[in-house]
Amino acid sequence: MRFLRRNTTTAADEAEDTADESGESHVPRAYTPSKGRATPKRREAEGKRRGPVAPPPRTTREAMKRSREQRKKNPVSKEERRAAAKERRERMNAGDDRYLLPRDRGPVKAYVRDLVDSRRHVLGLFMPLAIGVFIALLIPYPVVQQYATLLCTVMLLGMVVEGFLNGRRVARQVRAKFPQETVKGASIGWYAFIRASQIRKLRVPKPRVRPGDAIE
């Protein structure tokens, strides 16, 4: 008997009955029923695939353990790592743009380095001067300290003047060499100043020219 059964008719069943009776359906053919949940974002989906991010190591031992496990997953011997590091240093010293820092890349910066390396500069004595002043301050004689301070002051003034004039000269030559490039005098001058203040043997990339060579 129908009146003893529960009424389990849903809205969809009623819509189907109505459609059957009328012979027409009010639901469009391209209708897609709702999934009942929001579509996950790409970041959330990738996070579920990759799994949860491990917390940072709390101790040095734990960090070393994780490093060993990572090396086991990507087996690379010490010899291979040392060989790769040696090759990077050699390429960097040779001036290969692929291995240089962004500040040293490009033909403009290479030309600036050649201009600086083709001359001897008082700025090259900056690091030895700093070491000498430090040693002089350790000597317990006021006269020595006074002369060291005076010498340091004179040398620093000379370095500032030389760095300013050298920066202007380098910027002028760079503009003449690369007229199509946008050359900022302050940036080029500072780059030349830093290059000239370094000891010649410690410069990276290594100098390609000798002092006195003509640079066109």
N, C-alpha and C. Protein backbone atom coordinates (compact mmCIF):
# COMPACT_ATOMS: atom_id res chain seq x y z
N MET A 1 0.87 -1.19 0.00
CA MET A 1 0.00 0.00 0.00
C MET A 1 0.89 1.23 0.00
N ARG A 2 0.60 2.17 -0.85
CA ARG A 2 1.50 3.28 -1.08
C ARG A 2 1.56 4.24 0.09
N PHE A 3 0.41 4.40 0.83
CA PHE A 3 0.41 5.41 1.89
C PHE A 3 1.21 4.97 3.10
N LEU A 4 1.59 3.65 3.20
CA LEU A 4 2.43 3.20 4.30
C LEU A 4 3.92 3.40 4.04
N ARG A 5 4.37 3.72 2.80
CA ARG A 5 5.78 3.93 2.48
C ARG A 5 6.19 5.37 2.74
N ARG A 6 7.48 5.55 3.06
CA ARG A 6 8.00 6.91 3.30
C ARG A 6 8.08 7.65 1.99
N ASN A 7 7.87 8.90 2.08
CA ASN A 7 7.94 9.74 0.88
C ASN A 7 9.41 10.09 0.62
N THR A 8 10.06 9.35 -0.25
CA THR A 8 11.48 9.58 -0.54
C THR A 8 11.69 10.31 -1.85
N THR A 9 10.64 10.92 -2.30
CA THR A 9 10.74 11.64 -3.57
C THR A 9 11.61 12.88 -3.40
N THR A 10 12.58 13.03 -4.23
CA THR A 10 13.47 14.20 -4.18
C THR A 10 13.06 15.22 -5.21
N ALA A 11 13.74 16.33 -5.14
CA ALA A 11 13.44 17.40 -6.10
C ALA A 11 13.77 16.97 -7.52
N ALA A 12 14.82 16.14 -7.64
CA ALA A 12 15.20 15.67 -8.97
C ALA A 12 14.16 14.74 -9.53
N ASP A 13 13.59 13.83 -8.64
CA ASP A 13 12.55 12.92 -9.10
C ASP A 13 11.32 13.69 -9.53
N GLU A 14 10.96 14.73 -8.76
CA GLU A 14 9.80 15.53 -9.12
C GLU A 14 10.02 16.21 -10.46
N ALA A 15 11.30 16.70 -10.67
CA ALA A 15 11.59 17.35 -11.95
C ALA A 15 11.47 16.37 -13.09
N GLU A 16 11.92 15.08 -12.86
CA GLU A 16 11.83 14.08 -13.91
C GLU A 16 10.37 13.74 -14.20
N ASP A 17 9.53 13.60 -13.12
CA ASP A 17 8.11 13.31 -13.31
C ASP A 17 7.43 14.41 -14.09
N THR A 18 7.78 15.65 -13.73
CA THR A 18 7.18 16.78 -14.43
C THR A 18 7.57 16.79 -15.89
N ALA A 19 8.86 16.45 -16.12
CA ALA A 19 9.34 16.43 -17.50
C ALA A 19 8.66 15.33 -18.29
N ASP A 20 8.43 14.15 -17.63
CA ASP A 20 7.79 13.05 -18.33
C ASP A 20 6.34 13.38 -18.67
N GLU A 21 5.67 14.05 -17.72
CA GLU A 21 4.27 14.38 -17.95
C GLU A 21 4.11 15.43 -19.03
N SER A 22 4.99 16.45 -19.00
CA SER A 22 4.85 17.53 -19.98
C SER A 22 5.53 17.22 -21.29
N GLY A 23 6.46 16.23 -21.25
CA GLY A 23 7.17 15.89 -22.48
C GLY A 23 8.35 16.80 -22.76
N GLU A 24 8.60 17.74 -21.88
CA GLU A 24 9.71 18.67 -22.05
C GLU A 24 10.50 18.74 -20.76
N SER A 25 11.78 19.04 -20.87
CA SER A 25 12.64 19.18 -19.68
C SER A 25 13.12 20.61 -19.58
N HIS A 26 13.04 21.18 -18.36
CA HIS A 26 13.51 22.54 -18.14
C HIS A 26 15.00 22.59 -17.85
N VAL A 27 15.67 21.43 -17.67
CA VAL A 27 17.10 21.39 -17.39
C VAL A 27 17.86 21.44 -18.70
N PRO A 28 18.81 22.40 -18.92
CA PRO A 28 19.55 22.48 -20.18
C PRO A 28 20.39 21.24 -20.39
N ARG A 29 20.67 20.96 -21.66
CA ARG A 29 21.45 19.77 -21.99
C ARG A 29 22.88 19.85 -21.47
N ALA A 30 23.48 21.05 -21.45
CA ALA A 30 24.86 21.21 -20.98
C ALA A 30 24.97 21.36 -19.47
N TYR A 31 23.91 21.10 -18.78
CA TYR A 31 23.91 21.27 -17.32
C TYR A 31 24.79 20.22 -16.66
N THR A 32 25.67 20.68 -15.75
CA THR A 32 26.54 19.78 -14.99
C THR A 32 26.22 19.94 -13.52
N PRO A 33 25.87 18.89 -12.85
CA PRO A 33 25.53 19.03 -11.42
C PRO A 33 26.73 19.45 -10.60
N SER A 34 26.48 20.18 -9.53
CA SER A 34 27.54 20.66 -8.66
C SER A 34 28.23 19.51 -7.94
N LYS A 35 29.58 19.65 -7.74
CA LYS A 35 30.34 18.62 -7.04
C LYS A 35 30.15 18.69 -5.53
N GLY A 36 29.63 19.81 -5.06
CA GLY A 36 29.43 19.94 -3.62
C GLY A 36 30.65 20.43 -2.88
N ARG A 37 31.76 20.76 -3.60
CA ARG A 37 32.97 21.28 -2.95
C ARG A 37 33.71 22.18 -3.94
N ALA A 38 34.52 23.07 -3.38
CA ALA A 38 35.25 24.02 -4.22
C ALA A 38 36.42 23.33 -4.91
N THR A 39 36.74 23.80 -6.11
CA THR A 39 37.88 23.25 -6.84
C THR A 39 39.17 23.66 -6.16
N PRO A 40 40.05 22.73 -5.80
CA PRO A 40 41.30 23.11 -5.09
C PRO A 40 42.22 23.92 -5.99
N LYS A 41 42.96 24.83 -5.37
CA LYS A 41 43.92 25.63 -6.10
C LYS A 41 45.12 24.78 -6.52
N ARG A 42 45.85 25.32 -7.49
CA ARG A 42 47.00 24.57 -8.01
C ARG A 42 48.04 24.35 -6.93
N ARG A 43 48.28 25.36 -6.10
CA ARG A 43 49.28 25.24 -5.04
C ARG A 43 48.89 24.16 -4.04
N GLU A 44 47.58 24.10 -3.70
CA GLU A 44 47.12 23.08 -2.75
C GLU A 44 47.24 21.69 -3.35
N ALA A 45 46.90 21.56 -4.65
CA ALA A 45 46.99 20.25 -5.28
C ALA A 45 48.44 19.77 -5.35
N GLU A 46 49.37 20.68 -5.70
CA GLU A 46 50.78 20.30 -5.74
C GLU A 46 51.29 19.93 -4.36
N GLY A 47 50.83 20.67 -3.32
CA GLY A 47 51.25 20.35 -1.97
C GLY A 47 50.78 18.98 -1.53
N LYS A 48 49.57 18.57 -1.95
CA LYS A 48 49.10 17.24 -1.59
C LYS A 48 49.89 16.16 -2.30
N ARG A 49 50.28 16.44 -3.56
CA ARG A 49 51.07 15.44 -4.29
C ARG A 49 52.46 15.28 -3.69
N ARG A 50 53.06 16.41 -3.31
CA ARG A 50 54.43 16.35 -2.78
C ARG A 50 54.46 15.90 -1.34
N GLY A 51 53.39 16.09 -0.63
CA GLY A 51 53.36 15.72 0.77
C GLY A 51 53.72 16.91 1.65
N PRO A 52 53.59 16.76 2.92
CA PRO A 52 53.88 17.87 3.85
C PRO A 52 55.36 18.22 3.87
N VAL A 53 55.65 19.50 4.10
CA VAL A 53 57.03 19.97 4.16
C VAL A 53 57.62 19.61 5.51
N ALA A 54 58.80 19.03 5.49
CA ALA A 54 59.44 18.62 6.74
C ALA A 54 59.87 19.84 7.54
N PRO A 55 59.73 19.80 8.86
CA PRO A 55 60.15 20.94 9.68
C PRO A 55 61.66 21.10 9.63
N PRO A 56 62.18 22.31 9.89
CA PRO A 56 63.63 22.52 9.85
C PRO A 56 64.33 21.73 10.95
N PRO A 57 65.56 21.33 10.72
CA PRO A 57 66.29 20.55 11.73
C PRO A 57 66.52 21.38 12.99
N ARG A 58 66.38 20.72 14.12
CA ARG A 58 66.54 21.40 15.41
C ARG A 58 67.95 21.35 15.95
N THR A 59 68.73 20.38 15.50
CA THR A 59 70.10 20.23 15.98
C THR A 59 71.04 20.03 14.79
N THR A 60 72.33 20.22 15.04
CA THR A 60 73.33 20.02 14.00
C THR A 60 73.38 18.56 13.56
N ARG A 61 73.23 17.65 14.51
CA ARG A 61 73.25 16.22 14.17
C ARG A 61 72.10 15.87 13.23
N GLU A 62 70.93 16.43 13.51
CA GLU A 62 69.78 16.16 12.64
C GLU A 62 70.01 16.73 11.25
N ALA A 63 70.61 17.92 11.17
CA ALA A 63 70.90 18.51 9.86
C ALA A 63 71.90 17.66 9.08
N MET A 64 72.92 17.15 9.77
CA MET A 64 73.89 16.29 9.10
C MET A 64 73.25 15.00 8.62
N LYS A 65 72.33 14.46 9.43
CA LYS A 65 71.64 13.23 9.04
C LYS A 65 70.81 13.45 7.79
N ARG A 66 70.10 14.57 7.73
CA ARG A 66 69.30 14.87 6.54
C ARG A 66 70.20 15.08 5.32
N SER A 67 71.35 15.71 5.55
CA SER A 67 72.28 15.92 4.43
C SER A 67 72.78 14.60 3.88
N ARG A 68 73.08 13.66 4.76
CA ARG A 68 73.53 12.33 4.30
C ARG A 68 72.42 11.61 3.53
N GLU A 69 71.20 11.73 4.02
CA GLU A 69 70.09 11.09 3.32
C GLU A 69 69.88 11.72 1.93
N GLN A 70 70.04 13.05 1.86
CA GLN A 70 69.89 13.72 0.57
C GLN A 70 70.98 13.29 -0.40
N ARG A 71 72.20 13.12 0.11
CA ARG A 71 73.30 12.69 -0.76
C ARG A 71 73.08 11.26 -1.23
N LYS A 72 72.44 10.42 -0.39
CA LYS A 72 72.14 9.06 -0.81
C LYS A 72 71.13 9.06 -1.94
N LYS A 73 70.14 9.97 -1.86
CA LYS A 73 69.16 10.05 -2.93
C LYS A 73 69.78 10.58 -4.22
N ASN A 74 70.71 11.52 -4.10
CA ASN A 74 71.41 12.07 -5.26
C ASN A 74 72.89 11.77 -5.10
N PRO A 75 73.32 10.58 -5.42
CA PRO A 75 74.71 10.19 -5.16
C PRO A 75 75.70 10.97 -6.03
N VAL A 76 76.51 11.81 -5.37
CA VAL A 76 77.59 12.54 -6.03
C VAL A 76 78.81 12.45 -5.13
N SER A 77 79.88 11.95 -5.64
CA SER A 77 81.08 11.75 -4.82
C SER A 77 81.76 13.07 -4.54
N LYS A 78 82.65 13.07 -3.53
CA LYS A 78 83.40 14.27 -3.19
C LYS A 78 84.31 14.69 -4.34
N GLU A 79 84.87 13.71 -5.05
CA GLU A 79 85.74 14.03 -6.16
C GLU A 79 84.99 14.78 -7.25
N GLU A 80 83.75 14.35 -7.51
CA GLU A 80 82.95 15.02 -8.53
C GLU A 80 82.58 16.43 -8.10
N ARG A 81 82.24 16.62 -6.82
CA ARG A 81 81.92 17.96 -6.33
C ARG A 81 83.14 18.87 -6.39
N ARG A 82 84.29 18.34 -6.00
CA ARG A 82 85.50 19.15 -6.05
C ARG A 82 85.87 19.50 -7.49
N ALA A 83 85.69 18.55 -8.39
CA ALA A 83 86.00 18.81 -9.80
C ALA A 83 85.06 19.88 -10.36
N ALA A 84 83.77 19.81 -9.98
CA ALA A 84 82.81 20.82 -10.46
C ALA A 84 83.14 22.20 -9.89
N ALA A 85 83.51 22.25 -8.60
CA ALA A 85 83.87 23.54 -7.99
C ALA A 85 85.14 24.11 -8.62
N LYS A 86 86.11 23.24 -8.90
CA LYS A 86 87.35 23.70 -9.54
C LYS A 86 87.07 24.24 -10.93
N GLU A 87 86.20 23.57 -11.67
CA GLU A 87 85.86 24.05 -13.01
C GLU A 87 85.15 25.40 -12.95
N ARG A 88 84.26 25.58 -11.96
CA ARG A 88 83.58 26.87 -11.82
C ARG A 88 84.57 27.98 -11.52
N ARG A 89 85.54 27.72 -10.63
CA ARG A 89 86.54 28.74 -10.31
C ARG A 89 87.37 29.09 -11.53
N GLU A 90 87.77 28.06 -12.29
CA GLU A 90 88.59 28.32 -13.46
C GLU A 90 87.82 29.13 -14.51
N ARG A 91 86.56 28.76 -14.72
CA ARG A 91 85.75 29.50 -15.69
C ARG A 91 85.52 30.94 -15.22
N MET A 92 85.32 31.11 -13.92
CA MET A 92 85.11 32.46 -13.39
C MET A 92 86.37 33.30 -13.51
N ASN A 93 87.52 32.71 -13.19
CA ASN A 93 88.78 33.44 -13.33
C ASN A 93 89.08 33.79 -14.78
N ALA A 94 88.63 32.93 -15.71
CA ALA A 94 88.85 33.18 -17.12
C ALA A 94 87.91 34.22 -17.70
N GLY A 95 86.86 34.59 -16.94
CA GLY A 95 85.93 35.61 -17.41
C GLY A 95 84.77 35.08 -18.20
N ASP A 96 84.41 33.81 -18.03
CA ASP A 96 83.27 33.23 -18.72
C ASP A 96 81.98 33.81 -18.13
N ASP A 97 81.16 34.46 -18.98
CA ASP A 97 79.95 35.11 -18.49
C ASP A 97 78.98 34.16 -17.83
N ARG A 98 78.99 32.89 -18.22
CA ARG A 98 78.05 31.93 -17.64
C ARG A 98 78.35 31.65 -16.17
N TYR A 99 79.56 31.91 -15.73
CA TYR A 99 79.96 31.60 -14.36
C TYR A 99 80.24 32.86 -13.53
N LEU A 100 80.14 34.02 -14.13
CA LEU A 100 80.42 35.26 -13.40
C LEU A 100 79.19 35.70 -12.62
N LEU A 101 79.41 36.54 -11.62
CA LEU A 101 78.32 37.17 -10.90
C LEU A 101 77.61 38.16 -11.82
N PRO A 102 76.34 38.45 -11.57
CA PRO A 102 75.61 39.38 -12.44
C PRO A 102 76.29 40.74 -12.58
N ARG A 103 76.97 41.21 -11.53
CA ARG A 103 77.61 42.52 -11.60
C ARG A 103 78.80 42.54 -12.54
N ASP A 104 79.39 41.38 -12.85
CA ASP A 104 80.58 41.30 -13.68
C ASP A 104 80.30 40.88 -15.12
N ARG A 105 79.05 40.65 -15.47
CA ARG A 105 78.74 40.12 -16.79
C ARG A 105 78.62 41.22 -17.83
N GLY A 106 78.88 40.84 -19.07
CA GLY A 106 78.67 41.75 -20.18
C GLY A 106 79.97 42.33 -20.71
N PRO A 107 79.95 42.76 -21.99
CA PRO A 107 81.16 43.33 -22.59
C PRO A 107 81.57 44.66 -21.99
N VAL A 108 80.59 45.42 -21.47
CA VAL A 108 80.92 46.72 -20.87
C VAL A 108 81.78 46.52 -19.62
N LYS A 109 81.36 45.62 -18.74
CA LYS A 109 82.13 45.39 -17.52
C LYS A 109 83.49 44.78 -17.84
N ALA A 110 83.57 43.93 -18.88
CA ALA A 110 84.87 43.38 -19.27
C ALA A 110 85.80 44.48 -19.75
N TYR A 111 85.27 45.43 -20.48
CA TYR A 111 86.09 46.57 -20.95
C TYR A 111 86.55 47.44 -19.78
N VAL A 112 85.68 47.65 -18.81
CA VAL A 112 86.06 48.42 -17.63
C VAL A 112 87.19 47.73 -16.88
N ARG A 113 87.10 46.42 -16.75
CA ARG A 113 88.17 45.69 -16.06
C ARG A 113 89.50 45.81 -16.81
N ASP A 114 89.45 45.76 -18.12
CA ASP A 114 90.68 45.91 -18.90
C ASP A 114 91.28 47.30 -18.73
N LEU A 115 90.42 48.32 -18.69
CA LEU A 115 90.92 49.68 -18.49
C LEU A 115 91.58 49.83 -17.13
N VAL A 116 90.99 49.25 -16.11
CA VAL A 116 91.55 49.35 -14.77
C VAL A 116 92.83 48.53 -14.66
N ASP A 117 92.83 47.33 -15.23
CA ASP A 117 93.99 46.44 -15.11
C ASP A 117 95.18 46.90 -15.94
N SER A 118 94.96 47.80 -16.88
CA SER A 118 96.06 48.25 -17.73
C SER A 118 96.90 49.33 -17.06
N ARG A 119 96.55 49.72 -15.83
CA ARG A 119 97.30 50.76 -15.11
C ARG A 119 97.56 50.31 -13.67
N ARG A 120 98.55 50.94 -13.08
CA ARG A 120 98.81 50.76 -11.64
C ARG A 120 98.15 51.91 -10.89
N HIS A 121 97.54 51.59 -9.76
CA HIS A 121 96.77 52.57 -9.02
C HIS A 121 97.21 52.61 -7.56
N VAL A 122 97.11 53.82 -7.00
CA VAL A 122 97.36 53.97 -5.57
C VAL A 122 96.29 53.22 -4.77
N LEU A 123 95.12 53.09 -5.36
CA LEU A 123 94.04 52.36 -4.68
C LEU A 123 94.41 50.92 -4.40
N GLY A 124 95.34 50.37 -5.19
CA GLY A 124 95.77 49.00 -4.96
C GLY A 124 96.49 48.81 -3.64
N LEU A 125 96.90 49.90 -2.99
CA LEU A 125 97.58 49.83 -1.69
C LEU A 125 96.60 49.96 -0.52
N PHE A 126 95.31 49.96 -0.81
CA PHE A 126 94.33 50.17 0.25
C PHE A 126 94.40 49.06 1.30
N MET A 127 94.34 47.82 0.88
CA MET A 127 94.37 46.70 1.84
C MET A 127 95.70 46.61 2.58
N PRO A 128 96.86 46.71 1.91
CA PRO A 128 98.12 46.73 2.67
C PRO A 128 98.21 47.90 3.63
N LEU A 129 97.65 49.05 3.23
CA LEU A 129 97.68 50.21 4.13
C LEU A 129 96.84 49.95 5.37
N ALA A 130 95.68 49.34 5.20
CA ALA A 130 94.84 49.05 6.36
C ALA A 130 95.54 48.10 7.32
N ILE A 131 96.23 47.10 6.78
CA ILE A 131 96.96 46.16 7.63
C ILE A 131 98.11 46.87 8.35
N GLY A 132 98.81 47.75 7.63
CA GLY A 132 99.92 48.49 8.24
C GLY A 132 99.46 49.40 9.35
N VAL A 133 98.32 50.07 9.16
CA VAL A 133 97.80 50.96 10.20
C VAL A 133 97.38 50.15 11.43
N PHE A 134 96.79 49.00 11.21
CA PHE A 134 96.39 48.15 12.34
C PHE A 134 97.61 47.71 13.15
N ILE A 135 98.69 47.36 12.45
CA ILE A 135 99.91 46.94 13.16
C ILE A 135 100.52 48.13 13.91
N ALA A 136 100.48 49.31 13.26
CA ALA A 136 101.05 50.50 13.91
C ALA A 136 100.30 50.86 15.19
N LEU A 137 99.00 50.65 15.20
CA LEU A 137 98.23 50.96 16.40
C LEU A 137 98.55 50.03 17.56
N LEU A 138 99.10 48.86 17.25
CA LEU A 138 99.48 47.93 18.31
C LEU A 138 100.82 48.27 18.95
N ILE A 139 101.60 49.12 18.28
CA ILE A 139 102.91 49.51 18.82
C ILE A 139 102.70 50.55 19.92
N PRO A 140 103.20 50.34 21.12
CA PRO A 140 102.93 51.26 22.24
C PRO A 140 103.83 52.50 22.23
N TYR A 141 103.90 53.18 21.07
CA TYR A 141 104.69 54.42 20.97
C TYR A 141 103.80 55.48 20.33
N PRO A 142 103.48 56.53 21.05
CA PRO A 142 102.59 57.57 20.50
C PRO A 142 103.12 58.20 19.21
N VAL A 143 104.45 58.34 19.11
CA VAL A 143 105.01 58.97 17.91
C VAL A 143 104.72 58.13 16.67
N VAL A 144 104.92 56.83 16.81
CA VAL A 144 104.66 55.92 15.68
C VAL A 144 103.18 55.96 15.29
N GLN A 145 102.32 55.99 16.28
CA GLN A 145 100.89 56.04 16.01
C GLN A 145 100.49 57.34 15.31
N GLN A 146 101.12 58.45 15.73
CA GLN A 146 100.80 59.73 15.10
C GLN A 146 101.23 59.76 13.63
N TYR A 147 102.44 59.28 13.36
CA TYR A 147 102.90 59.25 11.97
C TYR A 147 102.07 58.28 11.13
N ALA A 148 101.69 57.18 11.71
CA ALA A 148 100.86 56.21 10.99
C ALA A 148 99.49 56.82 10.66
N THR A 149 98.93 57.55 11.61
CA THR A 149 97.64 58.19 11.37
C THR A 149 97.74 59.25 10.29
N LEU A 150 98.82 60.04 10.32
CA LEU A 150 99.03 61.08 9.30
C LEU A 150 99.21 60.45 7.91
N LEU A 151 100.02 59.41 7.85
CA LEU A 151 100.24 58.74 6.57
C LEU A 151 98.95 58.13 6.05
N CYS A 152 98.18 57.55 6.92
CA CYS A 152 96.91 56.94 6.51
C CYS A 152 95.95 58.00 5.97
N THR A 153 95.89 59.15 6.62
CA THR A 153 95.01 60.23 6.16
C THR A 153 95.40 60.73 4.79
N VAL A 154 96.71 60.95 4.59
CA VAL A 154 97.19 61.44 3.29
C VAL A 154 96.90 60.40 2.19
N MET A 155 97.16 59.14 2.49
CA MET A 155 96.94 58.10 1.50
C MET A 155 95.45 57.97 1.16
N LEU A 156 94.60 58.07 2.15
CA LEU A 156 93.16 57.95 1.88
C LEU A 156 92.66 59.10 1.03
N LEU A 157 93.15 60.31 1.29
CA LEU A 157 92.76 61.44 0.45
C LEU A 157 93.23 61.25 -0.99
N GLY A 158 94.47 60.78 -1.13
CA GLY A 158 94.98 60.52 -2.47
C GLY A 158 94.17 59.44 -3.19
N MET A 159 93.74 58.41 -2.46
CA MET A 159 92.94 57.35 -3.06
C MET A 159 91.57 57.86 -3.51
N VAL A 160 90.96 58.72 -2.69
CA VAL A 160 89.65 59.26 -3.05
C VAL A 160 89.76 60.10 -4.32
N VAL A 161 90.78 60.96 -4.39
CA VAL A 161 90.96 61.80 -5.58
C VAL A 161 91.24 60.95 -6.81
N GLU A 162 92.14 59.98 -6.66
CA GLU A 162 92.47 59.11 -7.79
C GLU A 162 91.25 58.30 -8.23
N GLY A 163 90.47 57.79 -7.27
CA GLY A 163 89.28 57.02 -7.62
C GLY A 163 88.25 57.85 -8.38
N PHE A 164 88.09 59.11 -7.98
CA PHE A 164 87.14 59.99 -8.67
C PHE A 164 87.60 60.27 -10.09
N LEU A 165 88.86 60.65 -10.27
CA LEU A 165 89.37 60.94 -11.61
C LEU A 165 89.38 59.69 -12.49
N ASN A 166 89.76 58.57 -11.90
CA ASN A 166 89.79 57.33 -12.67
C ASN A 166 88.38 56.92 -13.10
N GLY A 167 87.39 57.10 -12.22
CA GLY A 167 86.01 56.78 -12.58
C GLY A 167 85.50 57.61 -13.73
N ARG A 168 85.82 58.89 -13.73
CA ARG A 168 85.40 59.76 -14.83
C ARG A 168 86.08 59.35 -16.13
N ARG A 169 87.36 59.02 -16.06
CA ARG A 169 88.08 58.61 -17.27
C ARG A 169 87.50 57.32 -17.84
N VAL A 170 87.25 56.36 -16.98
CA VAL A 170 86.71 55.07 -17.44
C VAL A 170 85.32 55.25 -18.04
N ALA A 171 84.47 56.04 -17.40
CA ALA A 171 83.12 56.27 -17.92
C ALA A 171 83.16 56.95 -19.28
N ARG A 172 84.07 57.89 -19.46
CA ARG A 172 84.19 58.58 -20.74
C ARG A 172 84.62 57.61 -21.84
N GLN A 173 85.58 56.75 -21.55
CA GLN A 173 86.05 55.79 -22.54
C GLN A 173 85.00 54.73 -22.85
N VAL A 174 84.24 54.34 -21.85
CA VAL A 174 83.18 53.35 -22.07
C VAL A 174 82.10 53.93 -22.97
N ARG A 175 81.72 55.18 -22.76
CA ARG A 175 80.71 55.82 -23.62
C ARG A 175 81.20 55.91 -25.06
N ALA A 176 82.49 56.18 -25.24
CA ALA A 176 83.03 56.25 -26.59
C ALA A 176 83.11 54.88 -27.24
N LYS A 177 83.37 53.84 -26.44
CA LYS A 177 83.48 52.48 -26.98
C LYS A 177 82.12 51.86 -27.26
N PHE A 178 81.13 52.14 -26.40
CA PHE A 178 79.79 51.57 -26.54
C PHE A 178 78.77 52.70 -26.60
N PRO A 179 78.68 53.39 -27.73
CA PRO A 179 77.72 54.52 -27.82
C PRO A 179 76.26 54.07 -27.76
N GLN A 180 75.98 52.82 -28.11
CA GLN A 180 74.59 52.33 -28.10
C GLN A 180 74.14 51.90 -26.71
N GLU A 181 75.05 51.78 -25.76
CA GLU A 181 74.72 51.36 -24.41
C GLU A 181 74.39 52.56 -23.52
N THR A 182 73.48 52.34 -22.56
CA THR A 182 73.18 53.37 -21.58
C THR A 182 74.17 53.24 -20.42
N VAL A 183 75.12 54.13 -20.35
CA VAL A 183 76.20 54.06 -19.37
C VAL A 183 75.92 55.06 -18.26
N LYS A 184 75.82 54.55 -17.03
CA LYS A 184 75.66 55.41 -15.85
C LYS A 184 77.04 55.67 -15.26
N GLY A 185 77.42 56.94 -15.25
CA GLY A 185 78.76 57.29 -14.80
C GLY A 185 79.05 56.87 -13.37
N ALA A 186 78.06 57.03 -12.47
CA ALA A 186 78.28 56.69 -11.07
C ALA A 186 78.48 55.18 -10.90
N SER A 187 77.68 54.38 -11.60
CA SER A 187 77.79 52.93 -11.48
C SER A 187 79.12 52.43 -12.05
N ILE A 188 79.49 52.92 -13.23
CA ILE A 188 80.74 52.50 -13.85
C ILE A 188 81.93 52.98 -13.02
N GLY A 189 81.86 54.20 -12.51
CA GLY A 189 82.95 54.73 -11.69
C GLY A 189 83.15 53.93 -10.41
N TRP A 190 82.04 53.55 -9.77
CA TRP A 190 82.14 52.75 -8.54
C TRP A 190 82.70 51.37 -8.84
N TYR A 191 82.29 50.77 -9.96
CA TYR A 191 82.80 49.45 -10.34
C TYR A 191 84.31 49.53 -10.58
N ALA A 192 84.76 50.59 -11.26
CA ALA A 192 86.19 50.76 -11.49
C ALA A 192 86.94 51.01 -10.18
N PHE A 193 86.31 51.75 -9.26
CA PHE A 193 86.93 52.02 -7.96
C PHE A 193 87.15 50.73 -7.18
N ILE A 194 86.14 49.87 -7.13
CA ILE A 194 86.24 48.61 -6.40
C ILE A 194 87.30 47.71 -7.04
N ARG A 195 87.33 47.68 -8.36
CA ARG A 195 88.31 46.84 -9.06
C ARG A 195 89.73 47.32 -8.78
N ALA A 196 89.93 48.63 -8.81
CA ALA A 196 91.27 49.17 -8.60
C ALA A 196 91.74 49.03 -7.16
N SER A 197 90.80 48.98 -6.20
CA SER A 197 91.19 48.88 -4.79
C SER A 197 91.58 47.47 -4.39
N GLN A 198 91.37 46.49 -5.25
CA GLN A 198 91.71 45.11 -4.94
C GLN A 198 93.16 44.81 -5.33
N ILE A 199 93.78 43.93 -4.58
CA ILE A 199 95.13 43.49 -4.95
C ILE A 199 95.07 42.76 -6.28
N ARG A 200 96.01 43.03 -7.14
CA ARG A 200 95.94 42.53 -8.51
C ARG A 200 95.84 41.00 -8.57
N LYS A 201 96.56 40.31 -7.73
CA LYS A 201 96.54 38.85 -7.77
C LYS A 201 95.24 38.26 -7.25
N LEU A 202 94.48 39.05 -6.50
CA LEU A 202 93.23 38.56 -5.92
C LEU A 202 92.00 38.98 -6.72
N ARG A 203 92.20 39.65 -7.84
CA ARG A 203 91.05 40.11 -8.62
C ARG A 203 90.38 38.95 -9.34
N VAL A 204 89.04 38.98 -9.35
CA VAL A 204 88.24 37.97 -10.04
C VAL A 204 87.22 38.71 -10.91
N PRO A 205 87.23 38.42 -12.23
CA PRO A 205 88.12 37.54 -13.01
C PRO A 205 89.56 38.04 -13.03
N LYS A 206 90.46 37.15 -13.39
CA LYS A 206 91.87 37.51 -13.45
C LYS A 206 92.11 38.54 -14.55
N PRO A 207 93.08 39.45 -14.35
CA PRO A 207 93.38 40.44 -15.39
C PRO A 207 93.82 39.77 -16.69
N ARG A 208 93.30 40.31 -17.79
CA ARG A 208 93.68 39.81 -19.11
C ARG A 208 94.80 40.62 -19.74
N VAL A 209 95.07 41.78 -19.18
CA VAL A 209 96.10 42.67 -19.73
C VAL A 209 97.10 42.97 -18.63
N ARG A 210 98.25 43.48 -19.06
CA ARG A 210 99.31 43.85 -18.14
C ARG A 210 99.36 45.37 -17.98
N PRO A 211 99.92 45.85 -16.88
CA PRO A 211 100.06 47.31 -16.73
C PRO A 211 100.89 47.90 -17.86
N GLY A 212 100.38 48.92 -18.48
CA GLY A 212 101.07 49.56 -19.61
C GLY A 212 100.53 49.16 -20.95
N ASP A 213 99.69 48.12 -21.04
CA ASP A 213 99.12 47.72 -22.32
C ASP A 213 98.11 48.76 -22.79
N ALA A 214 98.10 48.99 -24.10
CA ALA A 214 97.16 49.93 -24.68
C ALA A 214 95.82 49.25 -24.88
N ILE A 215 94.75 49.91 -24.42
CA ILE A 215 93.39 49.40 -24.56
C ILE A 215 92.65 50.28 -25.55
N GLU A 216 92.15 49.69 -26.60
CA GLU A 216 91.41 50.46 -27.61
C GLU A 216 89.94 50.50 -27.29
